[in-house]
Amino acid sequence: MLLIGTAFCAFAAVRAEAQPIQCPKQAGFLGGAMVPSPATAVEIYQAVARGRGFPILQDHEVRVMDDDDAWAVFQYPTNLPPGQIVAGGGTLDLKIDKCSGKILASLAR
């Protein structure tokens, strides 16, 4: 149940009119984007977080930002007072390449 709600929240965080993803075709490999949508990026985030033992905190949602050739995926608190921002927190951050699916991981600082 938590995963479904998390995926919905993350998808809503991305601008509605994302640009089409243009990926070069390499001989011998599948063409097109390996991570074509925010929803796919959230599924990858959830799998990596589970596999590495990083919980998705109950008072956080998984958000996805369109970062041109990659998706930036991270957790963000849902209970912040208006006008307050977050820096750090130690949660998992992923940058997922849209074309190759390559993942770069870090902890929010």
PDB file of N, CA and C in Angstrom:
ATOM      1  N   MET A   1       0.821  -1.187   0.000  1.00  0.00           N
ATOM      2  CA  MET A   1       0.000   0.000   0.000  1.00  0.00           C
ATOM      3  C   MET A   1       0.865   1.251   0.000  1.00  0.00           C
ATOM      4  N   LEU A   2       1.916   1.275   0.794  1.00  0.00           N
ATOM      5  CA  LEU A   2       2.817   2.426   0.856  1.00  0.00           C
ATOM      6  C   LEU A   2       3.460   2.683  -0.501  1.00  0.00           C
ATOM      7  N   LEU A   3       3.830   1.629  -1.214  1.00  0.00           N
ATOM      8  CA  LEU A   3       4.511   1.801  -2.494  1.00  0.00           C
ATOM      9  C   LEU A   3       3.610   2.464  -3.524  1.00  0.00           C
ATOM     10  N   ILE A   4       2.340   2.120  -3.542  1.00  0.00           N
ATOM     11  CA  ILE A   4       1.422   2.716  -4.508  1.00  0.00           C
ATOM     12  C   ILE A   4       1.270   4.208  -4.238  1.00  0.00           C
ATOM     13  N   GLY A   5       1.061   4.589  -2.991  1.00  0.00           N
ATOM     14  CA  GLY A   5       0.931   6.001  -2.642  1.00  0.00           C
ATOM     15  C   GLY A   5       2.194   6.771  -2.933  1.00  0.00           C
ATOM     16  N   THR A   6       3.335   6.143  -2.682  1.00  0.00           N
ATOM     17  CA  THR A   6       4.611   6.788  -2.938  1.00  0.00           C
ATOM     18  C   THR A   6       4.795   7.034  -4.435  1.00  0.00           C
ATOM     19  N   ALA A   7       4.459   6.048  -5.242  1.00  0.00           N
ATOM     20  CA  ALA A   7       4.621   6.196  -6.691  1.00  0.00           C
ATOM     21  C   ALA A   7       3.731   7.309  -7.216  1.00  0.00           C
ATOM     22  N   PHE A   8       2.506   7.402  -6.723  1.00  0.00           N
ATOM     23  CA  PHE A   8       1.600   8.445  -7.170  1.00  0.00           C
ATOM     24  C   PHE A   8       2.143   9.827  -6.825  1.00  0.00           C
ATOM     25  N   CYS A   9       2.633   9.997  -5.602  1.00  0.00           N
ATOM     26  CA  CYS A   9       3.169  11.294  -5.169  1.00  0.00           C
ATOM     27  C   CYS A   9       4.369  11.689  -6.004  1.00  0.00           C
ATOM     28  N   ALA A  10       5.233  10.729  -6.306  1.00  0.00           N
ATOM     29  CA  ALA A  10       6.429  11.035  -7.075  1.00  0.00           C
ATOM     30  C   ALA A  10       6.070  11.454  -8.491  1.00  0.00           C
ATOM     31  N   PHE A  11       5.123  10.762  -9.103  1.00  0.00           N
ATOM     32  CA  PHE A  11       4.733  11.101 -10.454  1.00  0.00           C
ATOM     33  C   PHE A  11       4.170  12.519 -10.502  1.00  0.00           C
ATOM     34  N   ALA A  12       3.436  12.912  -9.490  1.00  0.00           N
ATOM     35  CA  ALA A  12       2.832  14.244  -9.454  1.00  0.00           C
ATOM     36  C   ALA A  12       3.878  15.338  -9.312  1.00  0.00           C
ATOM     37  N   ALA A  13       5.083  14.994  -8.838  1.00  0.00           N
ATOM     38  CA  ALA A  13       6.109  16.000  -8.614  1.00  0.00           C
ATOM     39  C   ALA A  13       6.802  16.427  -9.900  1.00  0.00           C
ATOM     40  N   VAL A  14       6.620  15.702 -10.984  1.00  0.00           N
ATOM     41  CA  VAL A  14       7.277  16.008 -12.257  1.00  0.00           C
ATOM     42  C   VAL A  14       6.355  16.883 -13.099  1.00  0.00           C
ATOM     43  N   ARG A  15       6.946  17.824 -13.809  1.00  0.00           N
ATOM     44  CA  ARG A  15       6.112  18.696 -14.640  1.00  0.00           C
ATOM     45  C   ARG A  15       5.315  17.853 -15.641  1.00  0.00           C
ATOM     46  N   ALA A  16       4.119  18.277 -15.912  1.00  0.00           N
ATOM     47  CA  ALA A  16       3.180  17.489 -16.701  1.00  0.00           C
ATOM     48  C   ALA A  16       3.622  17.327 -18.154  1.00  0.00           C
ATOM     49  N   GLU A  17       4.363  18.279 -18.702  1.00  0.00           N
ATOM     50  CA  GLU A  17       4.712  18.249 -20.115  1.00  0.00           C
ATOM     51  C   GLU A  17       6.195  17.959 -20.311  1.00  0.00           C
ATOM     52  N   ALA A  18       6.653  16.792 -19.864  1.00  0.00           N
ATOM     53  CA  ALA A  18       8.050  16.408 -20.031  1.00  0.00           C
ATOM     54  C   ALA A  18       8.354  16.272 -21.524  1.00  0.00           C
ATOM     55  N   GLN A  19       9.540  16.680 -21.907  1.00  0.00           N
ATOM     56  CA  GLN A  19       9.961  16.586 -23.295  1.00  0.00           C
ATOM     57  C   GLN A  19      10.204  15.130 -23.687  1.00  0.00           C
ATOM     58  N   PRO A  20       9.944  14.767 -24.952  1.00  0.00           N
ATOM     59  CA  PRO A  20      10.241  13.404 -25.396  1.00  0.00           C
ATOM     60  C   PRO A  20      11.737  13.103 -25.215  1.00  0.00           C
ATOM     61  N   ILE A  21      12.026  11.885 -24.837  1.00  0.00           N
ATOM     62  CA  ILE A  21      13.409  11.481 -24.586  1.00  0.00           C
ATOM     63  C   ILE A  21      14.018  10.956 -25.883  1.00  0.00           C
ATOM     64  N   GLN A  22      15.106  11.578 -26.304  1.00  0.00           N
ATOM     65  CA  GLN A  22      15.811  11.180 -27.516  1.00  0.00           C
ATOM     66  C   GLN A  22      17.082  10.433 -27.118  1.00  0.00           C
ATOM     67  N   CYS A  23      17.142   9.140 -27.405  1.00  0.00           N
ATOM     68  CA  CYS A  23      18.303   8.333 -27.046  1.00  0.00           C
ATOM     69  C   CYS A  23      18.958   7.773 -28.300  1.00  0.00           C
ATOM     70  N   PRO A  24      20.290   7.874 -28.388  1.00  0.00           N
ATOM     71  CA  PRO A  24      20.977   7.323 -29.557  1.00  0.00           C
ATOM     72  C   PRO A  24      20.902   5.796 -29.553  1.00  0.00           C
ATOM     73  N   LYS A  25      20.721   5.201 -30.730  1.00  0.00           N
ATOM     74  CA  LYS A  25      20.686   3.745 -30.870  1.00  0.00           C
ATOM     75  C   LYS A  25      22.104   3.238 -31.020  1.00  0.00           C
ATOM     76  N   GLN A  26      22.474   2.281 -30.177  1.00  0.00           N
ATOM     77  CA  GLN A  26      23.791   1.660 -30.264  1.00  0.00           C
ATOM     78  C   GLN A  26      23.616   0.255 -30.817  1.00  0.00           C
ATOM     79  N   ALA A  27      24.467  -0.117 -31.755  1.00  0.00           N
ATOM     80  CA  ALA A  27      24.384  -1.438 -32.382  1.00  0.00           C
ATOM     81  C   ALA A  27      24.446  -2.540 -31.327  1.00  0.00           C
ATOM     82  N   GLY A  28      23.514  -3.484 -31.433  1.00  0.00           N
ATOM     83  CA  GLY A  28      23.496  -4.617 -30.516  1.00  0.00           C
ATOM     84  C   GLY A  28      22.750  -4.375 -29.224  1.00  0.00           C
ATOM     85  N   PHE A  29      22.241  -3.152 -29.014  1.00  0.00           N
ATOM     86  CA  PHE A  29      21.522  -2.828 -27.785  1.00  0.00           C
ATOM     87  C   PHE A  29      20.103  -2.371 -28.119  1.00  0.00           C
ATOM     88  N   LEU A  30      19.220  -2.485 -27.161  1.00  0.00           N
ATOM     89  CA  LEU A  30      17.860  -1.995 -27.340  1.00  0.00           C
ATOM     90  C   LEU A  30      17.870  -0.492 -27.564  1.00  0.00           C
ATOM     91  N   GLY A  31      16.981  -0.016 -28.412  1.00  0.00           N
ATOM     92  CA  GLY A  31      16.867   1.413 -28.652  1.00  0.00           C
ATOM     93  C   GLY A  31      15.850   2.041 -27.717  1.00  0.00           C
ATOM     94  N   GLY A  32      15.884   3.340 -27.615  1.00  0.00           N
ATOM     95  CA  GLY A  32      14.932   4.070 -26.793  1.00  0.00           C
ATOM     96  C   GLY A  32      15.371   4.184 -25.352  1.00  0.00           C
ATOM     97  N   ALA A  33      14.594   4.914 -24.595  1.00  0.00           N
ATOM     98  CA  ALA A  33      14.910   5.176 -23.188  1.00  0.00           C
ATOM     99  C   ALA A  33      14.662   3.928 -22.348  1.00  0.00           C
ATOM    100  N   MET A  34      15.599   3.588 -21.500  1.00  0.00           N
ATOM    101  CA  MET A  34      15.432   2.474 -20.565  1.00  0.00           C
ATOM    102  C   MET A  34      14.585   2.900 -19.369  1.00  0.00           C
ATOM    103  N   VAL A  35      14.585   4.201 -19.055  1.00  0.00           N
ATOM    104  CA  VAL A  35      13.789   4.738 -17.944  1.00  0.00           C
ATOM    105  C   VAL A  35      12.956   5.883 -18.527  1.00  0.00           C
ATOM    106  N   PRO A  36      11.861   5.550 -19.201  1.00  0.00           N
ATOM    107  CA  PRO A  36      11.124   6.553 -19.966  1.00  0.00           C
ATOM    108  C   PRO A  36      10.191   7.449 -19.175  1.00  0.00           C
ATOM    109  N   SER A  37       9.924   7.120 -17.913  1.00  0.00           N
ATOM    110  CA  SER A  37       8.910   7.892 -17.192  1.00  0.00           C
ATOM    111  C   SER A  37       9.276   8.067 -15.719  1.00  0.00           C
ATOM    112  N   PRO A  38       8.672   9.066 -15.087  1.00  0.00           N
ATOM    113  CA  PRO A  38       8.867   9.242 -13.647  1.00  0.00           C
ATOM    114  C   PRO A  38       8.430   8.010 -12.857  1.00  0.00           C
ATOM    115  N   ALA A  39       7.361   7.370 -13.286  1.00  0.00           N
ATOM    116  CA  ALA A  39       6.876   6.178 -12.572  1.00  0.00           C
ATOM    117  C   ALA A  39       7.928   5.068 -12.598  1.00  0.00           C
ATOM    118  N   THR A  40       8.608   4.892 -13.723  1.00  0.00           N
ATOM    119  CA  THR A  40       9.673   3.894 -13.812  1.00  0.00           C
ATOM    120  C   THR A  40      10.829   4.274 -12.894  1.00  0.00           C
ATOM    121  N   ALA A  41      11.162   5.556 -12.832  1.00  0.00           N
ATOM    122  CA  ALA A  41      12.231   6.024 -11.948  1.00  0.00           C
ATOM    123  C   ALA A  41      11.893   5.744 -10.482  1.00  0.00           C
ATOM    124  N   VAL A  42      10.628   5.917 -10.103  1.00  0.00           N
ATOM    125  CA  VAL A  42      10.202   5.632  -8.728  1.00  0.00           C
ATOM    126  C   VAL A  42      10.349   4.144  -8.427  1.00  0.00           C
ATOM    127  N   GLU A  43       9.965   3.287  -9.369  1.00  0.00           N
ATOM    128  CA  GLU A  43      10.096   1.843  -9.156  1.00  0.00           C
ATOM    129  C   GLU A  43      11.562   1.462  -8.947  1.00  0.00           C
ATOM    130  N   ILE A  44      12.445   2.054  -9.721  1.00  0.00           N
ATOM    131  CA  ILE A  44      13.880   1.788  -9.554  1.00  0.00           C
ATOM    132  C   ILE A  44      14.344   2.275  -8.188  1.00  0.00           C
ATOM    133  N   TYR A  45      13.927   3.478  -7.801  1.00  0.00           N
ATOM    134  CA  TYR A  45      14.300   4.029  -6.494  1.00  0.00           C
ATOM    135  C   TYR A  45      13.866   3.086  -5.387  1.00  0.00           C
ATOM    136  N   GLN A  46      12.624   2.629  -5.435  1.00  0.00           N
ATOM    137  CA  GLN A  46      12.098   1.746  -4.394  1.00  0.00           C
ATOM    138  C   GLN A  46      12.887   0.448  -4.324  1.00  0.00           C
ATOM    139  N   ALA A  47      13.237  -0.118  -5.480  1.00  0.00           N
ATOM    140  CA  ALA A  47      14.003  -1.364  -5.492  1.00  0.00           C
ATOM    141  C   ALA A  47      15.396  -1.164  -4.909  1.00  0.00           C
ATOM    142  N   VAL A  48      16.065  -0.083  -5.285  1.00  0.00           N
ATOM    143  CA  VAL A  48      17.416   0.192  -4.766  1.00  0.00           C
ATOM    144  C   VAL A  48      17.352   0.468  -3.265  1.00  0.00           C
ATOM    145  N   ALA A  49      16.384   1.270  -2.842  1.00  0.00           N
ATOM    146  CA  ALA A  49      16.246   1.587  -1.420  1.00  0.00           C
ATOM    147  C   ALA A  49      16.026   0.313  -0.603  1.00  0.00           C
ATOM    148  N   ARG A  50      15.127  -0.548  -1.071  1.00  0.00           N
ATOM    149  CA  ARG A  50      14.878  -1.819  -0.380  1.00  0.00           C
ATOM    150  C   ARG A  50      16.125  -2.684  -0.353  1.00  0.00           C
ATOM    151  N   GLY A  51      16.765  -2.810  -1.497  1.00  0.00           N
ATOM    152  CA  GLY A  51      17.942  -3.667  -1.617  1.00  0.00           C
ATOM    153  C   GLY A  51      19.119  -3.203  -0.781  1.00  0.00           C
ATOM    154  N   ARG A  52      19.240  -1.916  -0.599  1.00  0.00           N
ATOM    155  CA  ARG A  52      20.357  -1.350   0.175  1.00  0.00           C
ATOM    156  C   ARG A  52      19.997  -1.066   1.624  1.00  0.00           C
ATOM    157  N   GLY A  53      18.746  -1.322   2.016  1.00  0.00           N
ATOM    158  CA  GLY A  53      18.336  -1.126   3.405  1.00  0.00           C
ATOM    159  C   GLY A  53      18.056   0.312   3.789  1.00  0.00           C
ATOM    160  N   PHE A  54      17.685   1.146   2.825  1.00  0.00           N
ATOM    161  CA  PHE A  54      17.313   2.532   3.101  1.00  0.00           C
ATOM    162  C   PHE A  54      15.788   2.615   3.126  1.00  0.00           C
ATOM    163  N   PRO A  55      15.197   2.825   4.301  1.00  0.00           N
ATOM    164  CA  PRO A  55      13.735   2.866   4.357  1.00  0.00           C
ATOM    165  C   PRO A  55      13.175   4.119   3.695  1.00  0.00           C
ATOM    166  N   ILE A  56      11.981   3.976   3.150  1.00  0.00           N
ATOM    167  CA  ILE A  56      11.240   5.151   2.699  1.00  0.00           C
ATOM    168  C   ILE A  56      10.453   5.604   3.921  1.00  0.00           C
ATOM    169  N   LEU A  57      10.821   6.745   4.456  1.00  0.00           N
ATOM    170  CA  LEU A  57      10.273   7.223   5.721  1.00  0.00           C
ATOM    171  C   LEU A  57       8.782   7.513   5.597  1.00  0.00           C
ATOM    172  N   GLN A  58       8.037   7.224   6.651  1.00  0.00           N
ATOM    173  CA  GLN A  58       6.583   7.373   6.606  1.00  0.00           C
ATOM    174  C   GLN A  58       6.129   8.810   6.412  1.00  0.00           C
ATOM    175  N   ASP A  59       6.893   9.773   6.907  1.00  0.00           N
ATOM    176  CA  ASP A  59       6.495  11.171   6.748  1.00  0.00           C
ATOM    177  C   ASP A  59       7.172  11.826   5.544  1.00  0.00           C
ATOM    178  N   HIS A  60       7.637  11.002   4.591  1.00  0.00           N
ATOM    179  CA  HIS A  60       8.274  11.476   3.367  1.00  0.00           C
ATOM    180  C   HIS A  60       7.542  10.904   2.151  1.00  0.00           C
ATOM    181  N   GLU A  61       7.722  11.568   1.034  1.00  0.00           N
ATOM    182  CA  GLU A  61       7.256  11.035  -0.241  1.00  0.00           C
ATOM    183  C   GLU A  61       8.445  10.966  -1.184  1.00  0.00           C
ATOM    184  N   VAL A  62       8.383  10.059  -2.126  1.00  0.00           N
ATOM    185  CA  VAL A  62       9.433   9.971  -3.144  1.00  0.00           C
ATOM    186  C   VAL A  62       9.064  10.954  -4.244  1.00  0.00           C
ATOM    187  N   ARG A  63      10.009  11.827  -4.578  1.00  0.00           N
ATOM    188  CA  ARG A  63       9.783  12.827  -5.627  1.00  0.00           C
ATOM    189  C   ARG A  63      10.754  12.598  -6.773  1.00  0.00           C
ATOM    190  N   VAL A  64      10.322  13.000  -7.957  1.00  0.00           N
ATOM    191  CA  VAL A  64      11.131  12.881  -9.166  1.00  0.00           C
ATOM    192  C   VAL A  64      11.206  14.245  -9.821  1.00  0.00           C
ATOM    193  N   MET A  65      12.426  14.649 -10.154  1.00  0.00           N
ATOM    194  CA  MET A  65      12.627  15.901 -10.884  1.00  0.00           C
ATOM    195  C   MET A  65      13.246  15.563 -12.238  1.00  0.00           C
ATOM    196  N   ASP A  66      12.760  16.205 -13.281  1.00  0.00           N
ATOM    197  CA  ASP A  66      13.302  16.021 -14.620  1.00  0.00           C
ATOM    198  C   ASP A  66      14.585  16.837 -14.730  1.00  0.00           C
ATOM    199  N   ASP A  67      15.711  16.147 -14.880  1.00  0.00           N
ATOM    200  CA  ASP A  67      17.026  16.795 -14.934  1.00  0.00           C
ATOM    201  C   ASP A  67      17.638  16.565 -16.315  1.00  0.00           C
ATOM    202  N   ASP A  68      16.911  16.987 -17.354  1.00  0.00           N
ATOM    203  CA  ASP A  68      17.307  16.833 -18.757  1.00  0.00           C
ATOM    204  C   ASP A  68      17.506  15.372 -19.145  1.00  0.00           C
ATOM    205  N   ASP A  69      18.730  14.858 -19.087  1.00  0.00           N
ATOM    206  CA  ASP A  69      19.004  13.490 -19.537  1.00  0.00           C
ATOM    207  C   ASP A  69      18.881  12.455 -18.422  1.00  0.00           C
ATOM    208  N   ALA A  70      18.465  12.887 -17.246  1.00  0.00           N
ATOM    209  CA  ALA A  70      18.352  11.982 -16.104  1.00  0.00           C
ATOM    210  C   ALA A  70      17.143  12.366 -15.251  1.00  0.00           C
ATOM    211  N   TRP A  71      16.745  11.425 -14.404  1.00  0.00           N
ATOM    212  CA  TRP A  71      15.742  11.683 -13.377  1.00  0.00           C
ATOM    213  C   TRP A  71      16.468  11.819 -12.053  1.00  0.00           C
ATOM    214  N   ALA A  72      16.185  12.860 -11.294  1.00  0.00           N
ATOM    215  CA  ALA A  72      16.687  12.998  -9.930  1.00  0.00           C
ATOM    216  C   ALA A  72      15.556  12.510  -9.018  1.00  0.00           C
ATOM    217  N   VAL A  73      15.842  11.479  -8.220  1.00  0.00           N
ATOM    218  CA  VAL A  73      14.808  10.855  -7.394  1.00  0.00           C
ATOM    219  C   VAL A  73      15.263  10.894  -5.940  1.00  0.00           C
ATOM    220  N   PHE A  74      14.365  11.342  -5.053  1.00  0.00           N
ATOM    221  CA  PHE A  74      14.746  11.542  -3.668  1.00  0.00           C
ATOM    222  C   PHE A  74      13.501  11.522  -2.783  1.00  0.00           C
ATOM    223  N   GLN A  75      13.720  11.463  -1.463  1.00  0.00           N
ATOM    224  CA  GLN A  75      12.630  11.553  -0.505  1.00  0.00           C
ATOM    225  C   GLN A  75      12.525  12.992   0.000  1.00  0.00           C
ATOM    226  N   TYR A  76      11.301  13.410   0.262  1.00  0.00           N
ATOM    227  CA  TYR A  76      11.065  14.770   0.745  1.00  0.00           C
ATOM    228  C   TYR A  76       9.977  14.727   1.815  1.00  0.00           C
ATOM    229  N   PRO A  77      10.156  15.448   2.923  1.00  0.00           N
ATOM    230  CA  PRO A  77       9.156  15.426   3.998  1.00  0.00           C
ATOM    231  C   PRO A  77       7.808  15.988   3.535  1.00  0.00           C
ATOM    232  N   THR A  78       6.762  15.383   4.024  1.00  0.00           N
ATOM    233  CA  THR A  78       5.409  15.841   3.680  1.00  0.00           C
ATOM    234  C   THR A  78       4.834  16.772   4.729  1.00  0.00           C
ATOM    235  N   ASN A  79       5.527  16.928   5.854  1.00  0.00           N
ATOM    236  CA  ASN A  79       4.950  17.676   6.975  1.00  0.00           C
ATOM    237  C   ASN A  79       5.699  18.973   7.300  1.00  0.00           C
ATOM    238  N   LEU A  80       6.269  19.620   6.294  1.00  0.00           N
ATOM    239  CA  LEU A  80       6.988  20.871   6.537  1.00  0.00           C
ATOM    240  C   LEU A  80       6.034  22.050   6.683  1.00  0.00           C
ATOM    241  N   PRO A  81       6.347  22.960   7.595  1.00  0.00           N
ATOM    242  CA  PRO A  81       5.560  24.199   7.668  1.00  0.00           C
ATOM    243  C   PRO A  81       5.755  25.012   6.381  1.00  0.00           C
ATOM    244  N   PRO A  82       4.774  25.809   5.989  1.00  0.00           N
ATOM    245  CA  PRO A  82       4.899  26.625   4.770  1.00  0.00           C
ATOM    246  C   PRO A  82       6.164  27.484   4.801  1.00  0.00           C
ATOM    247  N   GLY A  83       6.872  27.511   3.675  1.00  0.00           N
ATOM    248  CA  GLY A  83       8.071  28.334   3.548  1.00  0.00           C
ATOM    249  C   GLY A  83       9.356  27.688   4.024  1.00  0.00           C
ATOM    250  N   GLN A  84       9.263  26.574   4.727  1.00  0.00           N
ATOM    251  CA  GLN A  84      10.478  25.903   5.210  1.00  0.00           C
ATOM    252  C   GLN A  84      10.995  24.951   4.133  1.00  0.00           C
ATOM    253  N   ILE A  85      12.309  24.901   3.986  1.00  0.00           N
ATOM    254  CA  ILE A  85      12.924  23.985   3.033  1.00  0.00           C
ATOM    255  C   ILE A  85      13.787  22.987   3.791  1.00  0.00           C
ATOM    256  N   VAL A  86      14.224  21.952   3.085  1.00  0.00           N
ATOM    257  CA  VAL A  86      15.019  20.893   3.704  1.00  0.00           C
ATOM    258  C   VAL A  86      16.394  20.875   3.080  1.00  0.00           C
ATOM    259  N   ALA A  87      17.402  20.687   3.909  1.00  0.00           N
ATOM    260  CA  ALA A  87      18.770  20.465   3.430  1.00  0.00           C
ATOM    261  C   ALA A  87      19.279  19.220   4.146  1.00  0.00           C
ATOM    262  N   GLY A  88      19.650  18.230   3.366  1.00  0.00           N
ATOM    263  CA  GLY A  88      20.193  17.019   3.967  1.00  0.00           C
ATOM    264  C   GLY A  88      19.116  16.097   4.490  1.00  0.00           C
ATOM    265  N   GLY A  89      19.494  15.315   5.471  1.00  0.00           N
ATOM    266  CA  GLY A  89      18.549  14.390   6.056  1.00  0.00           C
ATOM    267  C   GLY A  89      19.027  12.953   6.004  1.00  0.00           C
ATOM    268  N   GLY A  90      20.057  12.692   5.209  1.00  0.00           N
ATOM    269  CA  GLY A  90      20.634  11.354   5.163  1.00  0.00           C
ATOM    270  C   GLY A  90      19.860  10.319   4.377  1.00  0.00           C
ATOM    271  N   THR A  91      18.839  10.745   3.622  1.00  0.00           N
ATOM    272  CA  THR A  91      18.083   9.780   2.824  1.00  0.00           C
ATOM    273  C   THR A  91      18.772   9.534   1.485  1.00  0.00           C
ATOM    274  N   LEU A  92      18.376   8.469   0.828  1.00  0.00           N
ATOM    275  CA  LEU A  92      18.963   8.068  -0.446  1.00  0.00           C
ATOM    276  C   LEU A  92      18.528   9.017  -1.563  1.00  0.00           C
ATOM    277  N   ASP A  93      19.484   9.482  -2.354  1.00  0.00           N
ATOM    278  CA  ASP A  93      19.221  10.261  -3.566  1.00  0.00           C
ATOM    279  C   ASP A  93      19.761   9.468  -4.750  1.00  0.00           C
ATOM    280  N   LEU A  94      18.997   9.401  -5.827  1.00  0.00           N
ATOM    281  CA  LEU A  94      19.462   8.728  -7.039  1.00  0.00           C
ATOM    282  C   LEU A  94      19.379   9.674  -8.223  1.00  0.00           C
ATOM    283  N   LYS A  95      20.351   9.569  -9.100  1.00  0.00           N
ATOM    284  CA  LYS A  95      20.298  10.210 -10.404  1.00  0.00           C
ATOM    285  C   LYS A  95      20.304   9.063 -11.407  1.00  0.00           C
ATOM    286  N   ILE A  96      19.216   8.932 -12.165  1.00  0.00           N
ATOM    287  CA  ILE A  96      19.026   7.797 -13.062  1.00  0.00           C
ATOM    288  C   ILE A  96      19.022   8.296 -14.502  1.00  0.00           C
ATOM    289  N   ASP A  97      19.995   7.834 -15.295  1.00  0.00           N
ATOM    290  CA  ASP A  97      20.083   8.213 -16.698  1.00  0.00           C
ATOM    291  C   ASP A  97      18.873   7.664 -17.449  1.00  0.00           C
ATOM    292  N   LYS A  98      18.173   8.513 -18.180  1.00  0.00           N
ATOM    293  CA  LYS A  98      16.960   8.112 -18.883  1.00  0.00           C
ATOM    294  C   LYS A  98      17.242   7.106 -19.998  1.00  0.00           C
ATOM    295  N   CYS A  99      18.346   7.281 -20.706  1.00  0.00           N
ATOM    296  CA  CYS A  99      18.636   6.411 -21.844  1.00  0.00           C
ATOM    297  C   CYS A  99      19.248   5.074 -21.436  1.00  0.00           C
ATOM    298  N   SER A 100      20.261   5.085 -20.587  1.00  0.00           N
ATOM    299  CA  SER A 100      20.982   3.849 -20.260  1.00  0.00           C
ATOM    300  C   SER A 100      20.479   3.170 -18.993  1.00  0.00           C
ATOM    301  N   GLY A 101      19.841   3.924 -18.113  1.00  0.00           N
ATOM    302  CA  GLY A 101      19.433   3.382 -16.822  1.00  0.00           C
ATOM    303  C   GLY A 101      20.540   3.418 -15.781  1.00  0.00           C
ATOM    304  N   LYS A 102      21.681   3.971 -16.140  1.00  0.00           N
ATOM    305  CA  LYS A 102      22.801   4.074 -15.190  1.00  0.00           C
ATOM    306  C   LYS A 102      22.371   4.865 -13.965  1.00  0.00           C
ATOM    307  N   ILE A 103      22.750   4.357 -12.792  1.00  0.00           N
ATOM    308  CA  ILE A 103      22.340   4.967 -11.529  1.00  0.00           C
ATOM    309  C   ILE A 103      23.558   5.504 -10.779  1.00  0.00           C
ATOM    310  N   LEU A 104      23.461   6.738 -10.328  1.00  0.00           N
ATOM    311  CA  LEU A 104      24.432   7.320  -9.402  1.00  0.00           C
ATOM    312  C   LEU A 104      23.695   7.553  -8.096  1.00  0.00           C
ATOM    313  N   ALA A 105      24.255   7.071  -6.998  1.00  0.00           N
ATOM    314  CA  ALA A 105      23.600   7.178  -5.700  1.00  0.00           C
ATOM    315  C   ALA A 105      24.415   7.997  -4.736  1.00  0.00           C
ATOM    316  N   SER A 106      23.718   8.734  -3.881  1.00  0.00           N
ATOM    317  CA  SER A 106      24.365   9.501  -2.814  1.00  0.00           C
ATOM    318  C   SER A 106      23.383   9.618  -1.662  1.00  0.00           C
ATOM    319  N   LEU A 107      23.871  10.110  -0.542  1.00  0.00           N
ATOM    320  CA  LEU A 107      23.009  10.385   0.600  1.00  0.00           C
ATOM    321  C   LEU A 107      22.779  11.891   0.663  1.00  0.00           C
ATOM    322  N   ALA A 108      21.535  12.277   0.943  1.00  0.00           N
ATOM    323  CA  ALA A 108      21.197  13.711   1.051  1.00  0.00           C
ATOM    324  C   ALA A 108      22.017  14.312   2.170  1.00  0.00           C
ATOM    325  N   ARG A 109      22.649  15.451   1.890  1.00  0.00           N
ATOM    326  CA  ARG A 109      23.492  16.121   2.893  1.00  0.00           C
ATOM    327  C   ARG A 109      22.951  17.492   3.180  1.00  0.00           C
TER     328      ARG A 109
END
